[in-house]
PDB file of all heavy atoms in Angstrom:
ATOM      1  N   GLY A   1      -3.140  -0.599  10.594  1.00  0.00           N
ATOM      2  CA  GLY A   1      -1.722  -0.303  10.714  1.00  0.00           C
ATOM      3  C   GLY A   1      -1.052  -0.920  11.924  1.00  0.00           C
ATOM      4  O   GLY A   1       0.096  -1.366  11.853  1.00  0.00           O
ATOM      5  N   GLU A   2      -1.756  -0.969  13.027  1.00  0.00           N
ATOM      6  CA  GLU A   2      -1.169  -1.536  14.239  1.00  0.00           C
ATOM      7  C   GLU A   2      -0.872  -3.017  14.062  1.00  0.00           C
ATOM      8  O   GLU A   2       0.208  -3.506  14.422  1.00  0.00           O
ATOM      9  CB  GLU A   2      -2.118  -1.313  15.412  1.00  0.00           C
ATOM     10  CG  GLU A   2      -1.576  -1.760  16.756  1.00  0.00           C
ATOM     11  CD  GLU A   2      -2.517  -1.430  17.899  1.00  0.00           C
ATOM     12  OE1 GLU A   2      -2.902  -0.245  18.012  1.00  0.00           O
ATOM     13  OE2 GLU A   2      -2.873  -2.353  18.652  1.00  0.00           O
ATOM     14  N   THR A   3      -1.827  -3.741  13.478  1.00  0.00           N
ATOM     15  CA  THR A   3      -1.624  -5.169  13.219  1.00  0.00           C
ATOM     16  C   THR A   3      -0.461  -5.380  12.255  1.00  0.00           C
ATOM     17  O   THR A   3       0.343  -6.306  12.427  1.00  0.00           O
ATOM     18  CB  THR A   3      -2.904  -5.795  12.632  1.00  0.00           C
ATOM     19  OG1 THR A   3      -3.971  -5.631  13.565  1.00  0.00           O
ATOM     20  CG2 THR A   3      -2.708  -7.277  12.352  1.00  0.00           C
ATOM     21  N   ALA A   4      -0.367  -4.528  11.238  1.00  0.00           N
ATOM     22  CA  ALA A   4       0.693  -4.657  10.237  1.00  0.00           C
ATOM     23  C   ALA A   4       2.072  -4.549  10.869  1.00  0.00           C
ATOM     24  O   ALA A   4       2.968  -5.353  10.583  1.00  0.00           O
ATOM     25  CB  ALA A   4       0.524  -3.593   9.161  1.00  0.00           C
ATOM     26  N   VAL A   5       2.267  -3.549  11.735  1.00  0.00           N
ATOM     27  CA  VAL A   5       3.568  -3.356  12.376  1.00  0.00           C
ATOM     28  C   VAL A   5       3.905  -4.562  13.251  1.00  0.00           C
ATOM     29  O   VAL A   5       5.042  -5.053  13.240  1.00  0.00           O
ATOM     30  CB  VAL A   5       3.588  -2.057  13.202  1.00  0.00           C
ATOM     31  CG1 VAL A   5       4.875  -1.952  14.006  1.00  0.00           C
ATOM     32  CG2 VAL A   5       3.442  -0.838  12.287  1.00  0.00           C
ATOM     33  N   ASN A   6       2.928  -5.046  13.992  1.00  0.00           N
ATOM     34  CA  ASN A   6       3.162  -6.201  14.860  1.00  0.00           C
ATOM     35  C   ASN A   6       3.505  -7.445  14.051  1.00  0.00           C
ATOM     36  O   ASN A   6       4.400  -8.222  14.417  1.00  0.00           O
ATOM     37  CB  ASN A   6       1.938  -6.463  15.736  1.00  0.00           C
ATOM     38  CG  ASN A   6       1.739  -5.391  16.794  1.00  0.00           C
ATOM     39  OD1 ASN A   6       2.690  -4.737  17.202  1.00  0.00           O
ATOM     40  ND2 ASN A   6       0.505  -5.207  17.231  1.00  0.00           N
ATOM     41  N   MET A   7       2.791  -7.660  12.934  1.00  0.00           N
ATOM     42  CA  MET A   7       3.070  -8.811  12.089  1.00  0.00           C
ATOM     43  C   MET A   7       4.476  -8.734  11.504  1.00  0.00           C
ATOM     44  O   MET A   7       5.190  -9.735  11.430  1.00  0.00           O
ATOM     45  CB  MET A   7       2.032  -8.911  10.956  1.00  0.00           C
ATOM     46  CG  MET A   7       0.659  -9.338  11.429  1.00  0.00           C
ATOM     47  SD  MET A   7      -0.569  -9.339  10.088  1.00  0.00           S
ATOM     48  CE  MET A   7       0.066 -10.667   9.052  1.00  0.00           C
ATOM     49  N   PHE A   8       4.885  -7.538  11.109  1.00  0.00           N
ATOM     50  CA  PHE A   8       6.216  -7.393  10.529  1.00  0.00           C
ATOM     51  C   PHE A   8       7.296  -7.601  11.585  1.00  0.00           C
ATOM     52  O   PHE A   8       8.320  -8.224  11.314  1.00  0.00           O
ATOM     53  CB  PHE A   8       6.372  -6.026   9.868  1.00  0.00           C
ATOM     54  CG  PHE A   8       7.675  -5.881   9.147  1.00  0.00           C
ATOM     55  CD1 PHE A   8       7.890  -6.528   7.929  1.00  0.00           C
ATOM     56  CD2 PHE A   8       8.715  -5.124   9.675  1.00  0.00           C
ATOM     57  CE1 PHE A   8       9.106  -6.425   7.272  1.00  0.00           C
ATOM     58  CE2 PHE A   8       9.923  -5.008   9.027  1.00  0.00           C
ATOM     59  CZ  PHE A   8      10.121  -5.662   7.809  1.00  0.00           C
ATOM     60  N   LYS A   9       7.076  -7.085  12.783  1.00  0.00           N
ATOM     61  CA  LYS A   9       8.049  -7.288  13.861  1.00  0.00           C
ATOM     62  C   LYS A   9       8.279  -8.767  14.118  1.00  0.00           C
ATOM     63  O   LYS A   9       9.416  -9.205  14.347  1.00  0.00           O
ATOM     64  CB  LYS A   9       7.562  -6.613  15.149  1.00  0.00           C
ATOM     65  CG  LYS A   9       7.710  -5.104  15.174  1.00  0.00           C
ATOM     66  CD  LYS A   9       7.202  -4.555  16.496  1.00  0.00           C
ATOM     67  CE  LYS A   9       7.352  -3.042  16.558  1.00  0.00           C
ATOM     68  NZ  LYS A   9       6.800  -2.490  17.837  1.00  0.00           N
ATOM     69  N   GLU A  10       7.206  -9.547  14.087  1.00  0.00           N
ATOM     70  CA  GLU A  10       7.291 -10.970  14.404  1.00  0.00           C
ATOM     71  C   GLU A  10       7.873 -11.801  13.264  1.00  0.00           C
ATOM     72  O   GLU A  10       8.399 -12.890  13.492  1.00  0.00           O
ATOM     73  CB  GLU A  10       5.900 -11.494  14.761  1.00  0.00           C
ATOM     74  CG  GLU A  10       5.333 -10.890  16.043  1.00  0.00           C
ATOM     75  CD  GLU A  10       3.895 -11.299  16.298  1.00  0.00           C
ATOM     76  OE1 GLU A  10       3.346 -12.068  15.476  1.00  0.00           O
ATOM     77  OE2 GLU A  10       3.316 -10.846  17.304  1.00  0.00           O
ATOM     78  N   ASN A  11       7.757 -11.283  12.013  1.00  0.00           N
ATOM     79  CA  ASN A  11       8.149 -12.095  10.854  1.00  0.00           C
ATOM     80  C   ASN A  11       8.997 -11.318   9.850  1.00  0.00           C
ATOM     81  O   ASN A  11       8.948 -11.584   8.655  1.00  0.00           O
ATOM     82  CB  ASN A  11       6.898 -12.618  10.129  1.00  0.00           C
ATOM     83  CG  ASN A  11       6.010 -13.451  11.015  1.00  0.00           C
ATOM     84  OD1 ASN A  11       6.273 -14.619  11.254  1.00  0.00           O
ATOM     85  ND2 ASN A  11       4.932 -12.841  11.516  1.00  0.00           N
ATOM     86  N   GLN A  12       9.781 -10.347  10.324  1.00  0.00           N
ATOM     87  CA  GLN A  12      10.481  -9.452   9.405  1.00  0.00           C
ATOM     88  C   GLN A  12      11.425 -10.170   8.456  1.00  0.00           C
ATOM     89  O   GLN A  12      11.615  -9.730   7.310  1.00  0.00           O
ATOM     90  CB  GLN A  12      11.237  -8.373  10.175  1.00  0.00           C
ATOM     91  CG  GLN A  12      12.252  -8.904  11.166  1.00  0.00           C
ATOM     92  CD  GLN A  12      12.924  -7.785  11.932  1.00  0.00           C
ATOM     93  OE1 GLN A  12      13.754  -7.047  11.396  1.00  0.00           O
ATOM     94  NE2 GLN A  12      12.567  -7.638  13.197  1.00  0.00           N
ATOM     95  N   ASP A  13      12.002 -11.276   8.869  1.00  0.00           N
ATOM     96  CA  ASP A  13      12.915 -12.012   7.999  1.00  0.00           C
ATOM     97  C   ASP A  13      12.185 -12.884   6.988  1.00  0.00           C
ATOM     98  O   ASP A  13      12.807 -13.444   6.080  1.00  0.00           O
ATOM     99  CB  ASP A  13      13.851 -12.895   8.839  1.00  0.00           C
ATOM    100  CG  ASP A  13      14.770 -12.067   9.723  1.00  0.00           C
ATOM    101  OD1 ASP A  13      15.087 -10.930   9.337  1.00  0.00           O
ATOM    102  OD2 ASP A  13      15.149 -12.557  10.804  1.00  0.00           O
ATOM    103  N   GLN A  14      10.865 -12.977   7.127  1.00  0.00           N
ATOM    104  CA  GLN A  14      10.086 -13.848   6.257  1.00  0.00           C
ATOM    105  C   GLN A  14       9.558 -13.124   5.019  1.00  0.00           C
ATOM    106  O   GLN A  14       9.283 -13.734   4.002  1.00  0.00           O
ATOM    107  CB  GLN A  14       8.883 -14.412   7.025  1.00  0.00           C
ATOM    108  CG  GLN A  14       9.234 -15.072   8.335  1.00  0.00           C
ATOM    109  CD  GLN A  14       9.785 -16.462   8.167  1.00  0.00           C
ATOM    110  OE1 GLN A  14       9.410 -17.166   7.239  1.00  0.00           O
ATOM    111  NE2 GLN A  14      10.664 -16.863   9.063  1.00  0.00           N
ATOM    112  N   TYR A  15       9.408 -11.803   5.122  1.00  0.00           N
ATOM    113  CA  TYR A  15       8.739 -11.059   4.055  1.00  0.00           C
ATOM    114  C   TYR A  15       9.720 -10.561   2.990  1.00  0.00           C
ATOM    115  O   TYR A  15      10.829 -10.126   3.280  1.00  0.00           O
ATOM    116  CB  TYR A  15       7.965  -9.871   4.626  1.00  0.00           C
ATOM    117  CG  TYR A  15       6.774 -10.283   5.463  1.00  0.00           C
ATOM    118  CD1 TYR A  15       6.704  -9.968   6.818  1.00  0.00           C
ATOM    119  CD2 TYR A  15       5.736 -11.007   4.890  1.00  0.00           C
ATOM    120  CE1 TYR A  15       5.611 -10.362   7.584  1.00  0.00           C
ATOM    121  CE2 TYR A  15       4.649 -11.409   5.650  1.00  0.00           C
ATOM    122  CZ  TYR A  15       4.591 -11.087   6.995  1.00  0.00           C
ATOM    123  OH  TYR A  15       3.514 -11.481   7.746  1.00  0.00           O
ATOM    124  N   ASP A  16       9.247 -10.607   1.741  1.00  0.00           N
ATOM    125  CA  ASP A  16      10.024 -10.107   0.606  1.00  0.00           C
ATOM    126  C   ASP A  16       9.589  -8.712   0.182  1.00  0.00           C
ATOM    127  O   ASP A  16      10.368  -7.981  -0.442  1.00  0.00           O
ATOM    128  CB  ASP A  16       9.880 -11.056  -0.591  1.00  0.00           C
ATOM    129  CG  ASP A  16      10.395 -12.443  -0.286  1.00  0.00           C
ATOM    130  OD1 ASP A  16      11.604 -12.580  -0.070  1.00  0.00           O
ATOM    131  OD2 ASP A  16       9.580 -13.387  -0.259  1.00  0.00           O
ATOM    132  N   LEU A  17       8.336  -8.329   0.517  1.00  0.00           N
ATOM    133  CA  LEU A  17       7.809  -7.050   0.051  1.00  0.00           C
ATOM    134  C   LEU A  17       6.534  -6.727   0.811  1.00  0.00           C
ATOM    135  O   LEU A  17       5.837  -7.629   1.286  1.00  0.00           O
ATOM    136  CB  LEU A  17       7.532  -7.122  -1.455  1.00  0.00           C
ATOM    137  CG  LEU A  17       7.056  -5.859  -2.167  1.00  0.00           C
ATOM    138  CD1 LEU A  17       7.753  -5.728  -3.529  1.00  0.00           C
ATOM    139  CD2 LEU A  17       5.544  -5.892  -2.364  1.00  0.00           C
ATOM    140  N   ILE A  18       6.230  -5.431   0.913  1.00  0.00           N
ATOM    141  CA  ILE A  18       5.006  -4.971   1.575  1.00  0.00           C
ATOM    142  C   ILE A  18       4.226  -4.063   0.638  1.00  0.00           C
ATOM    143  O   ILE A  18       4.801  -3.158   0.021  1.00  0.00           O
ATOM    144  CB  ILE A  18       5.324  -4.203   2.866  1.00  0.00           C
ATOM    145  CG1 ILE A  18       6.040  -5.102   3.876  1.00  0.00           C
ATOM    146  CG2 ILE A  18       4.049  -3.629   3.497  1.00  0.00           C
ATOM    147  CD1 ILE A  18       6.557  -4.364   5.094  1.00  0.00           C
ATOM    148  N   THR A  19       2.912  -4.292   0.499  1.00  0.00           N
ATOM    149  CA  THR A  19       2.031  -3.310  -0.136  1.00  0.00           C
ATOM    150  C   THR A  19       1.278  -2.631   0.997  1.00  0.00           C
ATOM    151  O   THR A  19       0.687  -3.293   1.852  1.00  0.00           O
ATOM    152  CB  THR A  19       1.051  -3.951  -1.129  1.00  0.00           C
ATOM    153  OG1 THR A  19       0.145  -4.815  -0.442  1.00  0.00           O
ATOM    154  CG2 THR A  19       1.803  -4.732  -2.196  1.00  0.00           C
ATOM    155  N   LEU A  20       1.290  -1.306   0.991  1.00  0.00           N
ATOM    156  CA  LEU A  20       0.827  -0.548   2.157  1.00  0.00           C
ATOM    157  C   LEU A  20      -0.153   0.541   1.742  1.00  0.00           C
ATOM    158  O   LEU A  20       0.204   1.465   1.016  1.00  0.00           O
ATOM    159  CB  LEU A  20       2.037   0.066   2.868  1.00  0.00           C
ATOM    160  CG  LEU A  20       1.776   0.979   4.053  1.00  0.00           C
ATOM    161  CD1 LEU A  20       1.077   0.224   5.182  1.00  0.00           C
ATOM    162  CD2 LEU A  20       3.095   1.575   4.549  1.00  0.00           C
ATOM    163  N   ASP A  21      -1.390   0.449   2.225  1.00  0.00           N
ATOM    164  CA  ASP A  21      -2.380   1.488   1.978  1.00  0.00           C
ATOM    165  C   ASP A  21      -2.063   2.709   2.839  1.00  0.00           C
ATOM    166  O   ASP A  21      -1.540   2.566   3.956  1.00  0.00           O
ATOM    167  CB  ASP A  21      -3.776   0.954   2.299  1.00  0.00           C
ATOM    168  CG  ASP A  21      -4.872   1.927   1.901  1.00  0.00           C
ATOM    169  OD1 ASP A  21      -4.732   2.577   0.853  1.00  0.00           O
ATOM    170  OD2 ASP A  21      -5.865   2.050   2.637  1.00  0.00           O
ATOM    171  N   LEU A  22      -2.374   3.884   2.340  1.00  0.00           N
ATOM    172  CA  LEU A  22      -2.081   5.105   3.091  1.00  0.00           C
ATOM    173  C   LEU A  22      -3.129   5.362   4.168  1.00  0.00           C
ATOM    174  O   LEU A  22      -2.812   5.741   5.292  1.00  0.00           O
ATOM    175  CB  LEU A  22      -1.995   6.301   2.143  1.00  0.00           C
ATOM    176  CG  LEU A  22      -1.595   7.640   2.749  1.00  0.00           C
ATOM    177  CD1 LEU A  22      -0.215   7.553   3.384  1.00  0.00           C
ATOM    178  CD2 LEU A  22      -1.612   8.732   1.693  1.00  0.00           C
ATOM    179  N   ASN A  23      -4.399   5.141   3.841  1.00  0.00           N
ATOM    180  CA  ASN A  23      -5.489   5.415   4.780  1.00  0.00           C
ATOM    181  C   ASN A  23      -5.865   4.139   5.513  1.00  0.00           C
ATOM    182  O   ASN A  23      -6.526   3.258   4.960  1.00  0.00           O
ATOM    183  CB  ASN A  23      -6.704   5.966   4.027  1.00  0.00           C
ATOM    184  CG  ASN A  23      -6.402   7.284   3.351  1.00  0.00           C
ATOM    185  OD1 ASN A  23      -5.866   8.181   3.977  1.00  0.00           O
ATOM    186  ND2 ASN A  23      -6.728   7.395   2.073  1.00  0.00           N
ATOM    187  N   LEU A  24      -5.445   4.043   6.772  1.00  0.00           N
ATOM    188  CA  LEU A  24      -5.671   2.839   7.564  1.00  0.00           C
ATOM    189  C   LEU A  24      -6.204   3.200   8.950  1.00  0.00           C
ATOM    190  O   LEU A  24      -5.886   4.266   9.474  1.00  0.00           O
ATOM    191  CB  LEU A  24      -4.359   2.062   7.742  1.00  0.00           C
ATOM    192  CG  LEU A  24      -3.727   1.431   6.516  1.00  0.00           C
ATOM    193  CD1 LEU A  24      -2.305   0.993   6.844  1.00  0.00           C
ATOM    194  CD2 LEU A  24      -4.554   0.246   6.028  1.00  0.00           C
ATOM    195  N   PRO A  25      -6.991   2.314   9.553  1.00  0.00           N
ATOM    196  CA  PRO A  25      -7.395   2.537  10.947  1.00  0.00           C
ATOM    197  C   PRO A  25      -6.258   2.240  11.906  1.00  0.00           C
ATOM    198  O   PRO A  25      -5.313   1.531  11.565  1.00  0.00           O
ATOM    199  CB  PRO A  25      -8.557   1.536  11.137  1.00  0.00           C
ATOM    200  CG  PRO A  25      -8.341   0.484  10.097  1.00  0.00           C
ATOM    201  CD  PRO A  25      -7.654   1.152   8.941  1.00  0.00           C
ATOM    202  N   LYS A  26      -6.353   2.816  13.096  1.00  0.00           N
ATOM    203  CA  LYS A  26      -5.410   2.634  14.212  1.00  0.00           C
ATOM    204  C   LYS A  26      -4.066   3.311  13.964  1.00  0.00           C
ATOM    205  O   LYS A  26      -3.619   4.116  14.770  1.00  0.00           O
ATOM    206  CB  LYS A  26      -5.230   1.151  14.546  1.00  0.00           C
ATOM    207  CG  LYS A  26      -6.504   0.485  15.023  1.00  0.00           C
ATOM    208  CD  LYS A  26      -6.256  -0.927  15.512  1.00  0.00           C
ATOM    209  CE  LYS A  26      -7.549  -1.546  16.022  1.00  0.00           C
ATOM    210  NZ  LYS A  26      -7.344  -2.940  16.485  1.00  0.00           N
ATOM    211  N   LYS A  27      -3.390   2.976  12.876  1.00  0.00           N
ATOM    212  CA  LYS A  27      -2.168   3.675  12.476  1.00  0.00           C
ATOM    213  C   LYS A  27      -2.228   3.881  10.975  1.00  0.00           C
ATOM    214  O   LYS A  27      -2.456   2.923  10.231  1.00  0.00           O
ATOM    215  CB  LYS A  27      -0.921   2.855  12.826  1.00  0.00           C
ATOM    216  CG  LYS A  27      -0.577   2.797  14.304  1.00  0.00           C
ATOM    217  CD  LYS A  27       0.720   2.029  14.530  1.00  0.00           C
ATOM    218  CE  LYS A  27       1.066   1.989  16.019  1.00  0.00           C
ATOM    219  NZ  LYS A  27       2.331   1.238  16.264  1.00  0.00           N
ATOM    220  N   ASP A  28      -2.019   5.128  10.530  1.00  0.00           N
ATOM    221  CA  ASP A  28      -2.084   5.366   9.085  1.00  0.00           C
ATOM    222  C   ASP A  28      -0.819   4.855   8.397  1.00  0.00           C
ATOM    223  O   ASP A  28       0.168   4.477   9.044  1.00  0.00           O
ATOM    224  CB  ASP A  28      -2.333   6.838   8.761  1.00  0.00           C
ATOM    225  CG  ASP A  28      -1.227   7.764   9.249  1.00  0.00           C
ATOM    226  OD1 ASP A  28      -0.073   7.295   9.391  1.00  0.00           O
ATOM    227  OD2 ASP A  28      -1.493   8.956   9.480  1.00  0.00           O
ATOM    228  N   GLY A  29      -0.875   4.834   7.055  1.00  0.00           N
ATOM    229  CA  GLY A  29       0.229   4.282   6.280  1.00  0.00           C
ATOM    230  C   GLY A  29       1.541   5.010   6.484  1.00  0.00           C
ATOM    231  O   GLY A  29       2.608   4.388   6.441  1.00  0.00           O
ATOM    232  N   ILE A  30       1.481   6.314   6.687  1.00  0.00           N
ATOM    233  CA  ILE A  30       2.705   7.088   6.904  1.00  0.00           C
ATOM    234  C   ILE A  30       3.392   6.622   8.189  1.00  0.00           C
ATOM    235  O   ILE A  30       4.609   6.401   8.219  1.00  0.00           O
ATOM    236  CB  ILE A  30       2.388   8.592   6.990  1.00  0.00           C
ATOM    237  CG1 ILE A  30       1.808   9.101   5.658  1.00  0.00           C
ATOM    238  CG2 ILE A  30       3.635   9.376   7.346  1.00  0.00           C
ATOM    239  CD1 ILE A  30       2.728   8.960   4.476  1.00  0.00           C
ATOM    240  N   THR A  31       2.613   6.453   9.256  1.00  0.00           N
ATOM    241  CA  THR A  31       3.173   5.986  10.525  1.00  0.00           C
ATOM    242  C   THR A  31       3.720   4.578  10.391  1.00  0.00           C
ATOM    243  O   THR A  31       4.808   4.262  10.902  1.00  0.00           O
ATOM    244  CB  THR A  31       2.094   6.027  11.625  1.00  0.00           C
ATOM    245  OG1 THR A  31       1.595   7.360  11.742  1.00  0.00           O
ATOM    246  CG2 THR A  31       2.663   5.576  12.962  1.00  0.00           C
ATOM    247  N   VAL A  32       2.962   3.723   9.703  1.00  0.00           N
ATOM    248  CA  VAL A  32       3.403   2.339   9.509  1.00  0.00           C
ATOM    249  C   VAL A  32       4.717   2.294   8.741  1.00  0.00           C
ATOM    250  O   VAL A  32       5.648   1.572   9.107  1.00  0.00           O
ATOM    251  CB  VAL A  32       2.324   1.523   8.773  1.00  0.00           C
ATOM    252  CG1 VAL A  32       2.847   0.126   8.422  1.00  0.00           C
ATOM    253  CG2 VAL A  32       1.076   1.398   9.642  1.00  0.00           C
ATOM    254  N   ALA A  33       4.810   3.068   7.652  1.00  0.00           N
ATOM    255  CA  ALA A  33       6.041   3.093   6.858  1.00  0.00           C
ATOM    256  C   ALA A  33       7.223   3.538   7.703  1.00  0.00           C
ATOM    257  O   ALA A  33       8.319   2.971   7.613  1.00  0.00           O
ATOM    258  CB  ALA A  33       5.866   4.017   5.650  1.00  0.00           C
ATOM    259  N   LYS A  34       6.994   4.541   8.526  1.00  0.00           N
ATOM    260  CA  LYS A  34       8.070   5.065   9.371  1.00  0.00           C
ATOM    261  C   LYS A  34       8.537   4.006  10.372  1.00  0.00           C
ATOM    262  O   LYS A  34       9.746   3.808  10.579  1.00  0.00           O
ATOM    263  CB  LYS A  34       7.559   6.302  10.108  1.00  0.00           C
ATOM    264  CG  LYS A  34       8.637   7.165  10.734  1.00  0.00           C
ATOM    265  CD  LYS A  34       8.034   8.458  11.253  1.00  0.00           C
ATOM    266  CE  LYS A  34       9.104   9.382  11.807  1.00  0.00           C
ATOM    267  NZ  LYS A  34       8.532  10.657  12.295  1.00  0.00           N
ATOM    268  N   GLU A  35       7.594   3.296  10.990  1.00  0.00           N
ATOM    269  CA  GLU A  35       7.955   2.296  11.991  1.00  0.00           C
ATOM    270  C   GLU A  35       8.605   1.066  11.356  1.00  0.00           C
ATOM    271  O   GLU A  35       9.538   0.484  11.917  1.00  0.00           O
ATOM    272  CB  GLU A  35       6.710   1.897  12.794  1.00  0.00           C
ATOM    273  CG  GLU A  35       6.182   3.033  13.660  1.00  0.00           C
ATOM    274  CD  GLU A  35       5.044   2.613  14.577  1.00  0.00           C
ATOM    275  OE1 GLU A  35       4.819   1.389  14.726  1.00  0.00           O
ATOM    276  OE2 GLU A  35       4.389   3.499  15.148  1.00  0.00           O
ATOM    277  N   ILE A  36       8.127   0.678  10.183  1.00  0.00           N
ATOM    278  CA  ILE A  36       8.729  -0.469   9.496  1.00  0.00           C
ATOM    279  C   ILE A  36      10.133  -0.128   9.023  1.00  0.00           C
ATOM    280  O   ILE A  36      11.052  -0.951   9.120  1.00  0.00           O
ATOM    281  CB  ILE A  36       7.839  -0.917   8.317  1.00  0.00           C
ATOM    282  CG1 ILE A  36       6.609  -1.657   8.860  1.00  0.00           C
ATOM    283  CG2 ILE A  36       8.615  -1.814   7.346  1.00  0.00           C
ATOM    284  CD1 ILE A  36       5.624  -2.094   7.802  1.00  0.00           C
ATOM    285  N   ARG A  37      10.343   1.085   8.538  1.00  0.00           N
ATOM    286  CA  ARG A  37      11.678   1.496   8.105  1.00  0.00           C
ATOM    287  C   ARG A  37      12.650   1.531   9.286  1.00  0.00           C
ATOM    288  O   ARG A  37      13.841   1.296   9.119  1.00  0.00           O
ATOM    289  CB  ARG A  37      11.617   2.872   7.435  1.00  0.00           C
ATOM    290  CG  ARG A  37      11.322   2.815   5.961  1.00  0.00           C
ATOM    291  CD  ARG A  37      12.519   2.310   5.178  1.00  0.00           C
ATOM    292  NE  ARG A  37      12.163   2.012   3.800  1.00  0.00           N
ATOM    293  CZ  ARG A  37      11.991   0.805   3.299  1.00  0.00           C
ATOM    294  NH1 ARG A  37      12.156  -0.253   4.079  1.00  0.00           N
ATOM    295  NH2 ARG A  37      11.685   0.620   2.046  1.00  0.00           N
ATOM    296  N   ALA A  38      12.138   1.830  10.483  1.00  0.00           N
ATOM    297  CA  ALA A  38      13.007   1.818  11.666  1.00  0.00           C
ATOM    298  C   ALA A  38      13.440   0.392  12.003  1.00  0.00           C
ATOM    299  O   ALA A  38      14.517   0.168  12.543  1.00  0.00           O
ATOM    300  CB  ALA A  38      12.286   2.438  12.863  1.00  0.00           C
ATOM    301  N   ILE A  39      12.601  -0.577  11.654  1.00  0.00           N
ATOM    302  CA  ILE A  39      12.925  -1.987  11.893  1.00  0.00           C
ATOM    303  C   ILE A  39      13.820  -2.528  10.793  1.00  0.00           C
ATOM    304  O   ILE A  39      14.806  -3.221  11.045  1.00  0.00           O
ATOM    305  CB  ILE A  39      11.632  -2.830  11.970  1.00  0.00           C
ATOM    306  CG1 ILE A  39      10.744  -2.345  13.122  1.00  0.00           C
ATOM    307  CG2 ILE A  39      11.965  -4.313  12.139  1.00  0.00           C
ATOM    308  CD1 ILE A  39       9.341  -2.926  13.103  1.00  0.00           C
ATOM    309  N   SER A  40      13.464  -2.207   9.539  1.00  0.00           N
ATOM    310  CA  SER A  40      14.208  -2.716   8.381  1.00  0.00           C
ATOM    311  C   SER A  40      14.342  -1.631   7.325  1.00  0.00           C
ATOM    312  O   SER A  40      13.352  -1.238   6.708  1.00  0.00           O
ATOM    313  CB  SER A  40      13.484  -3.928   7.778  1.00  0.00           C
ATOM    314  OG  SER A  40      14.087  -4.300   6.554  1.00  0.00           O
ATOM    315  N   PRO A  41      15.553  -1.135   7.088  1.00  0.00           N
ATOM    316  CA  PRO A  41      15.755  -0.092   6.078  1.00  0.00           C
ATOM    317  C   PRO A  41      15.597  -0.608   4.650  1.00  0.00           C
ATOM    318  O   PRO A  41      15.483   0.191   3.726  1.00  0.00           O
ATOM    319  CB  PRO A  41      17.207   0.367   6.316  1.00  0.00           C
ATOM    320  CG  PRO A  41      17.585  -0.183   7.647  1.00  0.00           C
ATOM    321  CD  PRO A  41      16.784  -1.431   7.829  1.00  0.00           C
TER     322      PRO A  41
END
């Protein structure tokens, strides 16, 4: 999850869609979804 958030922050205008697992190391999917939504609604 931590890598995912960092990758999205760096390339948010490049991505068309995200597939997100719920059970992840470092940051779970719920946390990742919340942080990504704060960056891009």
